[in-house]
PDB file of all heavy atoms in Angstrom:
ATOM      1  N   SER A   1     105.117 117.699  94.135  1.00  0.00           N
ATOM      2  CA  SER A   1     106.542 117.731  94.478  1.00  0.00           C
ATOM      3  C   SER A   1     106.862 118.767  95.546  1.00  0.00           C
ATOM      4  O   SER A   1     108.019 119.075  95.775  1.00  0.00           O
ATOM      5  CB  SER A   1     107.389 117.989  93.230  1.00  0.00           C
ATOM      6  OG  SER A   1     107.121 119.274  92.720  1.00  0.00           O
ATOM      7  N   GLY A   2     105.858 119.283  96.197  1.00  0.00           N
ATOM      8  CA  GLY A   2     106.041 120.261  97.258  1.00  0.00           C
ATOM      9  C   GLY A   2     104.719 120.536  97.942  1.00  0.00           C
ATOM     10  O   GLY A   2     103.697 119.952  97.590  1.00  0.00           O
ATOM     11  N   PRO A   3     104.710 121.434  98.894  1.00  0.00           N
ATOM     12  CA  PRO A   3     103.489 121.733  99.651  1.00  0.00           C
ATOM     13  C   PRO A   3     102.539 122.653  98.871  1.00  0.00           C
ATOM     14  O   PRO A   3     102.304 123.796  99.236  1.00  0.00           O
ATOM     15  CB  PRO A   3     104.017 122.394 100.920  1.00  0.00           C
ATOM     16  CG  PRO A   3     105.285 123.046 100.481  1.00  0.00           C
ATOM     17  CD  PRO A   3     105.873 122.139  99.434  1.00  0.00           C
ATOM     18  N   TYR A   4     102.014 122.125  97.760  1.00  0.00           N
ATOM     19  CA  TYR A   4     101.150 122.896  96.867  1.00  0.00           C
ATOM     20  C   TYR A   4      99.699 122.487  97.055  1.00  0.00           C
ATOM     21  O   TYR A   4      99.396 121.432  97.606  1.00  0.00           O
ATOM     22  CB  TYR A   4     101.565 122.677  95.415  1.00  0.00           C
ATOM     23  CG  TYR A   4     103.035 122.922  95.176  1.00  0.00           C
ATOM     24  CD1 TYR A   4     103.860 121.931  94.689  1.00  0.00           C
ATOM     25  CD2 TYR A   4     103.600 124.154  95.497  1.00  0.00           C
ATOM     26  CE1 TYR A   4     105.213 122.149  94.480  1.00  0.00           C
ATOM     27  CE2 TYR A   4     104.959 124.384  95.299  1.00  0.00           C
ATOM     28  CZ  TYR A   4     105.756 123.381  94.794  1.00  0.00           C
ATOM     29  OH  TYR A   4     107.091 123.601  94.609  1.00  0.00           O
ATOM     30  N   ASN A   5      98.780 123.319  96.539  1.00  0.00           N
ATOM     31  CA  ASN A   5      97.372 122.964  96.616  1.00  0.00           C
ATOM     32  C   ASN A   5      96.765 122.846  95.227  1.00  0.00           C
ATOM     33  O   ASN A   5      97.341 123.280  94.240  1.00  0.00           O
ATOM     34  CB  ASN A   5      96.588 123.953  97.496  1.00  0.00           C
ATOM     35  CG  ASN A   5      96.650 125.365  96.971  1.00  0.00           C
ATOM     36  OD1 ASN A   5      96.453 125.603  95.795  1.00  0.00           O
ATOM     37  ND2 ASN A   5      96.910 126.310  97.840  1.00  0.00           N
ATOM     38  N   PHE A   6      95.593 122.254  95.192  1.00  0.00           N
ATOM     39  CA  PHE A   6      94.851 121.989  93.968  1.00  0.00           C
ATOM     40  C   PHE A   6      93.455 122.558  94.194  1.00  0.00           C
ATOM     41  O   PHE A   6      92.665 122.012  94.963  1.00  0.00           O
ATOM     42  CB  PHE A   6      94.800 120.477  93.764  1.00  0.00           C
ATOM     43  CG  PHE A   6      94.205 119.990  92.468  1.00  0.00           C
ATOM     44  CD1 PHE A   6      94.819 118.972  91.775  1.00  0.00           C
ATOM     45  CD2 PHE A   6      93.028 120.506  91.958  1.00  0.00           C
ATOM     46  CE1 PHE A   6      94.286 118.469  90.603  1.00  0.00           C
ATOM     47  CE2 PHE A   6      92.483 120.020  90.789  1.00  0.00           C
ATOM     48  CZ  PHE A   6      93.114 118.994  90.102  1.00  0.00           C
ATOM     49  N   LYS A   7      93.123 123.682  93.543  1.00  0.00           N
ATOM     50  CA  LYS A   7      91.809 124.312  93.690  1.00  0.00           C
ATOM     51  C   LYS A   7      90.929 123.963  92.496  1.00  0.00           C
ATOM     52  O   LYS A   7      91.374 124.030  91.353  1.00  0.00           O
ATOM     53  CB  LYS A   7      91.937 125.832  93.780  1.00  0.00           C
ATOM     54  CG  LYS A   7      92.560 126.315  95.059  1.00  0.00           C
ATOM     55  CD  LYS A   7      92.582 127.836  95.098  1.00  0.00           C
ATOM     56  CE  LYS A   7      93.308 128.316  96.336  1.00  0.00           C
ATOM     57  NZ  LYS A   7      93.500 129.772  96.316  1.00  0.00           N
ATOM     58  N   VAL A   8      89.691 123.619  92.798  1.00  0.00           N
ATOM     59  CA  VAL A   8      88.729 123.287  91.758  1.00  0.00           C
ATOM     60  C   VAL A   8      87.624 124.336  91.787  1.00  0.00           C
ATOM     61  O   VAL A   8      86.797 124.351  92.691  1.00  0.00           O
ATOM     62  CB  VAL A   8      88.153 121.868  91.961  1.00  0.00           C
ATOM     63  CG1 VAL A   8      87.154 121.547  90.854  1.00  0.00           C
ATOM     64  CG2 VAL A   8      89.266 120.826  92.005  1.00  0.00           C
ATOM     65  N   LEU A   9      87.641 125.231  90.811  1.00  0.00           N
ATOM     66  CA  LEU A   9      86.595 126.234  90.648  1.00  0.00           C
ATOM     67  C   LEU A   9      85.668 125.843  89.496  1.00  0.00           C
ATOM     68  O   LEU A   9      84.553 126.330  89.406  1.00  0.00           O
ATOM     69  CB  LEU A   9      87.200 127.609  90.366  1.00  0.00           C
ATOM     70  CG  LEU A   9      88.178 128.132  91.411  1.00  0.00           C
ATOM     71  CD1 LEU A   9      88.840 129.412  90.927  1.00  0.00           C
ATOM     72  CD2 LEU A   9      87.482 128.362  92.724  1.00  0.00           C
ATOM     73  N   GLY A  10      86.158 124.983  88.624  1.00  0.00           N
ATOM     74  CA  GLY A  10      85.390 124.503  87.480  1.00  0.00           C
ATOM     75  C   GLY A  10      84.950 123.080  87.712  1.00  0.00           C
ATOM     76  O   GLY A  10      84.431 122.748  88.778  1.00  0.00           O
ATOM     77  N   ARG A  11      85.208 122.220  86.735  1.00  0.00           N
ATOM     78  CA  ARG A  11      84.733 120.828  86.804  1.00  0.00           C
ATOM     79  C   ARG A  11      85.906 119.860  86.776  1.00  0.00           C
ATOM     80  O   ARG A  11      86.793 119.958  85.928  1.00  0.00           O
ATOM     81  CB  ARG A  11      83.815 120.549  85.624  1.00  0.00           C
ATOM     82  CG  ARG A  11      83.256 119.157  85.620  1.00  0.00           C
ATOM     83  CD  ARG A  11      82.226 118.999  84.544  1.00  0.00           C
ATOM     84  NE  ARG A  11      81.797 117.612  84.492  1.00  0.00           N
ATOM     85  CZ  ARG A  11      80.802 117.197  83.763  1.00  0.00           C
ATOM     86  NH1 ARG A  11      80.132 118.048  83.019  1.00  0.00           N
ATOM     87  NH2 ARG A  11      80.476 115.928  83.755  1.00  0.00           N
ATOM     88  N   LEU A  12      85.891 118.909  87.696  1.00  0.00           N
ATOM     89  CA  LEU A  12      86.877 117.827  87.750  1.00  0.00           C
ATOM     90  C   LEU A  12      86.149 116.510  87.561  1.00  0.00           C
ATOM     91  O   LEU A  12      85.275 116.161  88.356  1.00  0.00           O
ATOM     92  CB  LEU A  12      87.616 117.825  89.090  1.00  0.00           C
ATOM     93  CG  LEU A  12      88.566 116.648  89.334  1.00  0.00           C
ATOM     94  CD1 LEU A  12      89.702 116.638  88.309  1.00  0.00           C
ATOM     95  CD2 LEU A  12      89.119 116.694  90.753  1.00  0.00           C
ATOM     96  N   ASP A  13      86.471 115.795  86.483  1.00  0.00           N
ATOM     97  CA  ASP A  13      85.938 114.452  86.239  1.00  0.00           C
ATOM     98  C   ASP A  13      87.070 113.472  86.467  1.00  0.00           C
ATOM     99  O   ASP A  13      87.996 113.375  85.654  1.00  0.00           O
ATOM    100  CB  ASP A  13      85.412 114.312  84.807  1.00  0.00           C
ATOM    101  CG  ASP A  13      84.129 115.078  84.561  1.00  0.00           C
ATOM    102  OD1 ASP A  13      83.391 115.328  85.537  1.00  0.00           O
ATOM    103  OD2 ASP A  13      83.865 115.427  83.401  1.00  0.00           O
ATOM    104  N   ALA A  14      87.012 112.766  87.580  1.00  0.00           N
ATOM    105  CA  ALA A  14      88.058 111.805  87.937  1.00  0.00           C
ATOM    106  C   ALA A  14      87.390 110.598  88.576  1.00  0.00           C
ATOM    107  O   ALA A  14      87.131 110.591  89.772  1.00  0.00           O
ATOM    108  CB  ALA A  14      89.062 112.444  88.895  1.00  0.00           C
ATOM    109  N   THR A  15      87.097 109.603  87.757  1.00  0.00           N
ATOM    110  CA  THR A  15      86.427 108.406  88.244  1.00  0.00           C
ATOM    111  C   THR A  15      87.334 107.210  88.000  1.00  0.00           C
ATOM    112  O   THR A  15      87.543 106.801  86.858  1.00  0.00           O
ATOM    113  CB  THR A  15      85.075 108.189  87.523  1.00  0.00           C
ATOM    114  OG1 THR A  15      84.292 109.374  87.660  1.00  0.00           O
ATOM    115  CG2 THR A  15      84.332 107.018  88.113  1.00  0.00           C
ATOM    116  N   GLY A  16      87.869 106.678  89.078  1.00  0.00           N
ATOM    117  CA  GLY A  16      88.708 105.491  88.974  1.00  0.00           C
ATOM    118  C   GLY A  16      87.854 104.236  89.015  1.00  0.00           C
ATOM    119  O   GLY A  16      86.624 104.288  89.088  1.00  0.00           O
ATOM    120  N   THR A  17      88.524 103.101  88.981  1.00  0.00           N
ATOM    121  CA  THR A  17      87.859 101.812  89.098  1.00  0.00           C
ATOM    122  C   THR A  17      88.553 101.020  90.196  1.00  0.00           C
ATOM    123  O   THR A  17      89.603 101.431  90.703  1.00  0.00           O
ATOM    124  CB  THR A  17      87.937 101.023  87.774  1.00  0.00           C
ATOM    125  OG1 THR A  17      89.294 100.666  87.521  1.00  0.00           O
ATOM    126  CG2 THR A  17      87.377 101.820  86.610  1.00  0.00           C
ATOM    127  N   VAL A  18      87.987  99.875  90.555  1.00  0.00           N
ATOM    128  CA  VAL A  18      88.620  99.024  91.564  1.00  0.00           C
ATOM    129  C   VAL A  18      90.012  98.605  91.088  1.00  0.00           C
ATOM    130  O   VAL A  18      90.979  98.592  91.847  1.00  0.00           O
ATOM    131  CB  VAL A  18      87.737  97.784  91.864  1.00  0.00           C
ATOM    132  CG1 VAL A  18      88.465  96.803  92.756  1.00  0.00           C
ATOM    133  CG2 VAL A  18      86.424  98.215  92.482  1.00  0.00           C
ATOM    134  N   GLU A  19      90.125  98.291  89.810  1.00  0.00           N
ATOM    135  CA  GLU A  19      91.406  97.849  89.254  1.00  0.00           C
ATOM    136  C   GLU A  19      92.361  99.007  88.977  1.00  0.00           C
ATOM    137  O   GLU A  19      93.580  98.835  89.025  1.00  0.00           O
ATOM    138  CB  GLU A  19      91.187  97.077  87.940  1.00  0.00           C
ATOM    139  CG  GLU A  19      90.391  95.805  88.081  1.00  0.00           C
ATOM    140  CD  GLU A  19      88.887  96.042  88.100  1.00  0.00           C
ATOM    141  OE1 GLU A  19      88.414  97.095  87.604  1.00  0.00           O
ATOM    142  OE2 GLU A  19      88.165  95.187  88.655  1.00  0.00           O
ATOM    143  N   ASP A  20      91.831 100.170  88.649  1.00  0.00           N
ATOM    144  CA  ASP A  20      92.641 101.335  88.261  1.00  0.00           C
ATOM    145  C   ASP A  20      92.180 102.575  89.012  1.00  0.00           C
ATOM    146  O   ASP A  20      91.441 103.405  88.491  1.00  0.00           O
ATOM    147  CB  ASP A  20      92.537 101.596  86.753  1.00  0.00           C
ATOM    148  CG  ASP A  20      93.301 100.592  85.926  1.00  0.00           C
ATOM    149  OD1 ASP A  20      94.408 100.224  86.336  1.00  0.00           O
ATOM    150  OD2 ASP A  20      92.789 100.177  84.871  1.00  0.00           O
ATOM    151  N   SER A  21      92.628 102.707  90.246  1.00  0.00           N
ATOM    152  CA  SER A  21      92.303 103.891  91.043  1.00  0.00           C
ATOM    153  C   SER A  21      93.068 105.090  90.529  1.00  0.00           C
ATOM    154  O   SER A  21      94.090 104.957  89.869  1.00  0.00           O
ATOM    155  CB  SER A  21      92.682 103.649  92.510  1.00  0.00           C
ATOM    156  OG  SER A  21      91.963 102.574  93.039  1.00  0.00           O
ATOM    157  N   ILE A  22      92.569 106.266  90.838  1.00  0.00           N
ATOM    158  CA  ILE A  22      93.303 107.498  90.582  1.00  0.00           C
ATOM    159  C   ILE A  22      93.966 107.862  91.897  1.00  0.00           C
ATOM    160  O   ILE A  22      93.313 107.928  92.930  1.00  0.00           O
ATOM    161  CB  ILE A  22      92.377 108.620  90.090  1.00  0.00           C
ATOM    162  CG1 ILE A  22      91.748 108.210  88.752  1.00  0.00           C
ATOM    163  CG2 ILE A  22      93.143 109.940  89.949  1.00  0.00           C
ATOM    164  CD1 ILE A  22      90.647 109.132  88.282  1.00  0.00           C
ATOM    165  N   TYR A  23      95.282 108.076  91.859  1.00  0.00           N
ATOM    166  CA  TYR A  23      96.052 108.289  93.079  1.00  0.00           C
ATOM    167  C   TYR A  23      96.549 109.733  93.145  1.00  0.00           C
ATOM    168  O   TYR A  23      97.198 110.203  92.221  1.00  0.00           O
ATOM    169  CB  TYR A  23      97.243 107.337  93.110  1.00  0.00           C
ATOM    170  CG  TYR A  23      98.158 107.544  94.276  1.00  0.00           C
ATOM    171  CD1 TYR A  23      97.831 107.059  95.539  1.00  0.00           C
ATOM    172  CD2 TYR A  23      99.361 108.232  94.125  1.00  0.00           C
ATOM    173  CE1 TYR A  23      98.670 107.270  96.623  1.00  0.00           C
ATOM    174  CE2 TYR A  23     100.200 108.436  95.200  1.00  0.00           C
ATOM    175  CZ  TYR A  23      99.853 107.949  96.445  1.00  0.00           C
ATOM    176  OH  TYR A  23     100.677 108.151  97.515  1.00  0.00           O
ATOM    177  N   PHE A  24      96.204 110.428  94.221  1.00  0.00           N
ATOM    178  CA  PHE A  24      96.734 111.752  94.506  1.00  0.00           C
ATOM    179  C   PHE A  24      97.656 111.596  95.703  1.00  0.00           C
ATOM    180  O   PHE A  24      97.260 111.059  96.738  1.00  0.00           O
ATOM    181  CB  PHE A  24      95.616 112.742  94.856  1.00  0.00           C
ATOM    182  CG  PHE A  24      94.716 113.093  93.708  1.00  0.00           C
ATOM    183  CD1 PHE A  24      93.591 112.339  93.426  1.00  0.00           C
ATOM    184  CD2 PHE A  24      95.005 114.180  92.901  1.00  0.00           C
ATOM    185  CE1 PHE A  24      92.759 112.657  92.375  1.00  0.00           C
ATOM    186  CE2 PHE A  24      94.177 114.512  91.842  1.00  0.00           C
ATOM    187  CZ  PHE A  24      93.052 113.748  91.574  1.00  0.00           C
ATOM    188  N   GLY A  25      98.886 112.068  95.582  1.00  0.00           N
ATOM    189  CA  GLY A  25      99.830 111.932  96.689  1.00  0.00           C
ATOM    190  C   GLY A  25     101.002 112.867  96.517  1.00  0.00           C
ATOM    191  O   GLY A  25     100.953 113.842  95.773  1.00  0.00           O
ATOM    192  N   MET A  26     102.078 112.542  97.208  1.00  0.00           N
ATOM    193  CA  MET A  26     103.246 113.407  97.140  1.00  0.00           C
ATOM    194  C   MET A  26     104.441 112.653  96.580  1.00  0.00           C
ATOM    195  O   MET A  26     104.582 111.460  96.768  1.00  0.00           O
ATOM    196  CB  MET A  26     103.575 113.999  98.495  1.00  0.00           C
ATOM    197  CG  MET A  26     103.859 113.010  99.585  1.00  0.00           C
ATOM    198  SD  MET A  26     104.127 113.878 101.124  1.00  0.00           S
ATOM    199  CE  MET A  26     105.594 113.057 101.677  1.00  0.00           C
ATOM    200  N   ALA A  27     105.239 113.396  95.867  1.00  0.00           N
ATOM    201  CA  ALA A  27     106.506 112.903  95.358  1.00  0.00           C
ATOM    202  C   ALA A  27     107.560 113.766  96.009  1.00  0.00           C
ATOM    203  O   ALA A  27     107.802 114.880  95.590  1.00  0.00           O
ATOM    204  CB  ALA A  27     106.576 113.033  93.840  1.00  0.00           C
ATOM    205  N   ASP A  28     108.126 113.280  97.072  1.00  0.00           N
ATOM    206  CA  ASP A  28     109.040 114.105  97.873  1.00  0.00           C
ATOM    207  C   ASP A  28     110.402 114.222  97.195  1.00  0.00           C
ATOM    208  O   ASP A  28     111.407 113.749  97.686  1.00  0.00           O
ATOM    209  CB  ASP A  28     109.176 113.522  99.277  1.00  0.00           C
ATOM    210  CG  ASP A  28     109.861 114.473 100.236  1.00  0.00           C
ATOM    211  OD1 ASP A  28     110.277 115.560  99.798  1.00  0.00           O
ATOM    212  OD2 ASP A  28     109.971 114.130 101.412  1.00  0.00           O
ATOM    213  N   THR A  29     110.395 114.860  96.026  1.00  0.00           N
ATOM    214  CA  THR A  29     111.642 115.037  95.295  1.00  0.00           C
ATOM    215  C   THR A  29     112.415 116.261  95.772  1.00  0.00           C
ATOM    216  O   THR A  29     113.569 116.423  95.458  1.00  0.00           O
ATOM    217  CB  THR A  29     111.363 115.187  93.790  1.00  0.00           C
ATOM    218  OG1 THR A  29     110.500 116.310  93.600  1.00  0.00           O
ATOM    219  CG2 THR A  29     110.705 113.937  93.239  1.00  0.00           C
ATOM    220  N   ALA A  30     111.756 117.137  96.540  1.00  0.00           N
ATOM    221  CA  ALA A  30     112.401 118.377  96.983  1.00  0.00           C
ATOM    222  C   ALA A  30     112.809 118.316  98.449  1.00  0.00           C
ATOM    223  O   ALA A  30     113.354 119.274  98.979  1.00  0.00           O
ATOM    224  CB  ALA A  30     111.453 119.555  96.760  1.00  0.00           C
ATOM    225  N   GLY A  31     112.527 117.221  99.126  1.00  0.00           N
ATOM    226  CA  GLY A  31     112.883 117.109 100.528  1.00  0.00           C
ATOM    227  C   GLY A  31     112.009 117.930 101.446  1.00  0.00           C
ATOM    228  O   GLY A  31     112.405 118.280 102.541  1.00  0.00           O
ATOM    229  N   PHE A  32     110.759 118.248 101.027  1.00  0.00           N
ATOM    230  CA  PHE A  32     109.913 119.094 101.858  1.00  0.00           C
ATOM    231  C   PHE A  32     109.253 118.318 102.989  1.00  0.00           C
ATOM    232  O   PHE A  32     108.711 118.893 103.908  1.00  0.00           O
ATOM    233  CB  PHE A  32     108.855 119.815 101.023  1.00  0.00           C
ATOM    234  CG  PHE A  32     107.795 118.915 100.459  1.00  0.00           C
ATOM    235  CD1 PHE A  32     106.639 118.667 101.167  1.00  0.00           C
ATOM    236  CD2 PHE A  32     107.961 118.328  99.217  1.00  0.00           C
ATOM    237  CE1 PHE A  32     105.660 117.838 100.644  1.00  0.00           C
ATOM    238  CE2 PHE A  32     106.983 117.510  98.696  1.00  0.00           C
ATOM    239  CZ  PHE A  32     105.838 117.257  99.408  1.00  0.00           C
ATOM    240  N   SER A  33     109.267 116.989 102.933  1.00  0.00           N
ATOM    241  CA  SER A  33     108.639 116.204 103.986  1.00  0.00           C
ATOM    242  C   SER A  33     109.537 116.186 105.221  1.00  0.00           C
ATOM    243  O   SER A  33     110.663 115.720 105.180  1.00  0.00           O
ATOM    244  CB  SER A  33     108.394 114.777 103.504  1.00  0.00           C
ATOM    245  OG  SER A  33     107.760 114.029 104.502  1.00  0.00           O
ATOM    246  N   THR A  34     109.032 116.737 106.302  1.00  0.00           N
ATOM    247  CA  THR A  34     109.781 116.784 107.558  1.00  0.00           C
ATOM    248  C   THR A  34     108.853 116.353 108.684  1.00  0.00           C
ATOM    249  O   THR A  34     107.670 116.097 108.462  1.00  0.00           O
ATOM    250  CB  THR A  34     110.275 118.217 107.849  1.00  0.00           C
ATOM    251  OG1 THR A  34     109.134 119.043 108.083  1.00  0.00           O
ATOM    252  CG2 THR A  34     111.112 118.778 106.716  1.00  0.00           C
ATOM    253  N   ALA A  35     109.367 116.313 109.881  1.00  0.00           N
ATOM    254  CA  ALA A  35     108.523 115.977 111.026  1.00  0.00           C
ATOM    255  C   ALA A  35     107.417 117.018 111.206  1.00  0.00           C
ATOM    256  O   ALA A  35     106.335 116.708 111.689  1.00  0.00           O
ATOM    257  CB  ALA A  35     109.377 115.883 112.282  1.00  0.00           C
ATOM    258  N   ALA A  36     107.672 118.271 110.822  1.00  0.00           N
ATOM    259  CA  ALA A  36     106.689 119.344 110.988  1.00  0.00           C
ATOM    260  C   ALA A  36     105.657 119.360 109.860  1.00  0.00           C
ATOM    261  O   ALA A  36     104.537 119.802 110.045  1.00  0.00           O
ATOM    262  CB  ALA A  36     107.401 120.698 111.043  1.00  0.00           C
ATOM    263  N   TYR A  37     106.039 118.893 108.677  1.00  0.00           N
ATOM    264  CA  TYR A  37     105.132 118.929 107.529  1.00  0.00           C
ATOM    265  C   TYR A  37     105.291 117.646 106.740  1.00  0.00           C
ATOM    266  O   TYR A  37     106.386 117.324 106.310  1.00  0.00           O
ATOM    267  CB  TYR A  37     105.428 120.132 106.629  1.00  0.00           C
ATOM    268  CG  TYR A  37     104.487 120.168 105.470  1.00  0.00           C
ATOM    269  CD1 TYR A  37     103.198 120.655 105.630  1.00  0.00           C
ATOM    270  CD2 TYR A  37     104.838 119.643 104.244  1.00  0.00           C
ATOM    271  CE1 TYR A  37     102.297 120.625 104.585  1.00  0.00           C
ATOM    272  CE2 TYR A  37     103.936 119.621 103.193  1.00  0.00           C
ATOM    273  CZ  TYR A  37     102.676 120.106 103.371  1.00  0.00           C
ATOM    274  OH  TYR A  37     101.783 120.078 102.351  1.00  0.00           O
ATOM    275  N   GLU A  38     104.216 116.912 106.545  1.00  0.00           N
ATOM    276  CA  GLU A  38     104.331 115.601 105.912  1.00  0.00           C
ATOM    277  C   GLU A  38     103.447 115.430 104.681  1.00  0.00           C
ATOM    278  O   GLU A  38     102.803 114.407 104.542  1.00  0.00           O
ATOM    279  CB  GLU A  38     104.015 114.510 106.929  1.00  0.00           C
ATOM    280  CG  GLU A  38     104.997 114.488 108.072  1.00  0.00           C
ATOM    281  CD  GLU A  38     104.697 113.378 109.061  1.00  0.00           C
ATOM    282  OE1 GLU A  38     103.837 112.533 108.786  1.00  0.00           O
ATOM    283  OE2 GLU A  38     105.334 113.366 110.109  1.00  0.00           O
ATOM    284  N   GLY A  39     103.363 116.390 103.809  1.00  0.00           N
ATOM    285  CA  GLY A  39     102.571 116.147 102.618  1.00  0.00           C
ATOM    286  C   GLY A  39     102.220 117.381 101.836  1.00  0.00           C
ATOM    287  O   GLY A  39     102.681 118.469 102.120  1.00  0.00           O
ATOM    288  N   TRP A  40     101.380 117.185 100.829  1.00  0.00           N
ATOM    289  CA  TRP A  40     100.926 118.283  99.998  1.00  0.00           C
ATOM    290  C   TRP A  40      99.734 118.946 100.656  1.00  0.00           C
ATOM    291  O   TRP A  40      99.154 118.417 101.588  1.00  0.00           O
ATOM    292  CB  TRP A  40     100.639 117.794  98.586  1.00  0.00           C
ATOM    293  CG  TRP A  40      99.615 116.717  98.442  1.00  0.00           C
ATOM    294  CD1 TRP A  40      99.741 115.413  98.805  1.00  0.00           C
ATOM    295  CD2 TRP A  40      98.316 116.838  97.883  1.00  0.00           C
ATOM    296  NE1 TRP A  40      98.614 114.728  98.506  1.00  0.00           N
ATOM    297  CE2 TRP A  40      97.705 115.571  97.936  1.00  0.00           C
ATOM    298  CE3 TRP A  40      97.592 117.888  97.338  1.00  0.00           C
ATOM    299  CZ2 TRP A  40      96.427 115.332  97.463  1.00  0.00           C
ATOM    300  CZ3 TRP A  40      96.316 117.640  96.863  1.00  0.00           C
ATOM    301  CH2 TRP A  40      95.753 116.386  96.931  1.00  0.00           C
ATOM    302  N   MET A  41      99.349 120.105 100.169  1.00  0.00           N
ATOM    303  CA  MET A  41      98.344 120.934 100.833  1.00  0.00           C
ATOM    304  C   MET A  41      96.902 120.492 100.551  1.00  0.00           C
ATOM    305  O   MET A  41      95.978 121.050 101.108  1.00  0.00           O
ATOM    306  CB  MET A  41      98.516 122.404 100.436  1.00  0.00           C
ATOM    307  CG  MET A  41      99.858 122.978 100.833  1.00  0.00           C
ATOM    308  SD  MET A  41     100.158 122.920 102.604  1.00  0.00           S
ATOM    309  CE  MET A  41      99.046 124.189 103.147  1.00  0.00           C
ATOM    310  N   GLY A  42      96.692 119.547  99.696  1.00  0.00           N
ATOM    311  CA  GLY A  42      95.360 119.004  99.476  1.00  0.00           C
ATOM    312  C   GLY A  42      94.599 119.649  98.342  1.00  0.00           C
ATOM    313  O   GLY A  42      95.130 120.415  97.547  1.00  0.00           O
ATOM    314  N   MET A  43      93.318 119.317  98.303  1.00  0.00           N
ATOM    315  CA  MET A  43      92.437 119.734  97.229  1.00  0.00           C
ATOM    316  C   MET A  43      91.285 120.530  97.821  1.00  0.00           C
ATOM    317  O   MET A  43      90.743 120.159  98.864  1.00  0.00           O
ATOM    318  CB  MET A  43      91.915 118.476  96.535  1.00  0.00           C
ATOM    319  CG  MET A  43      91.334 118.686  95.197  1.00  0.00           C
ATOM    320  SD  MET A  43      90.814 117.099  94.488  1.00  0.00           S
ATOM    321  CE  MET A  43      92.326 116.519  93.768  1.00  0.00           C
ATOM    322  N   ALA A  44      90.891 121.623  97.185  1.00  0.00           N
ATOM    323  CA  ALA A  44      89.785 122.450  97.663  1.00  0.00           C
ATOM    324  C   ALA A  44      88.773 122.621  96.529  1.00  0.00           C
ATOM    325  O   ALA A  44      89.134 123.060  95.437  1.00  0.00           O
ATOM    326  CB  ALA A  44      90.289 123.814  98.118  1.00  0.00           C
TER     327      ALA A  44
END
C-alpha cells in the first residue's frame, strides 16, 4: 500500500502453480503512485 520493501534474510517458500500464481504488486490505496514513482520498492 506504499513504497515499501520486502527483505528476505531467512527462508521464503512461495511456489505458485499455472492455475494459482502468487502475485506481488501494489495496492495504490494511499495515492503514492505518481509519474515520478510507480510502485513498491521490491524484494531483496
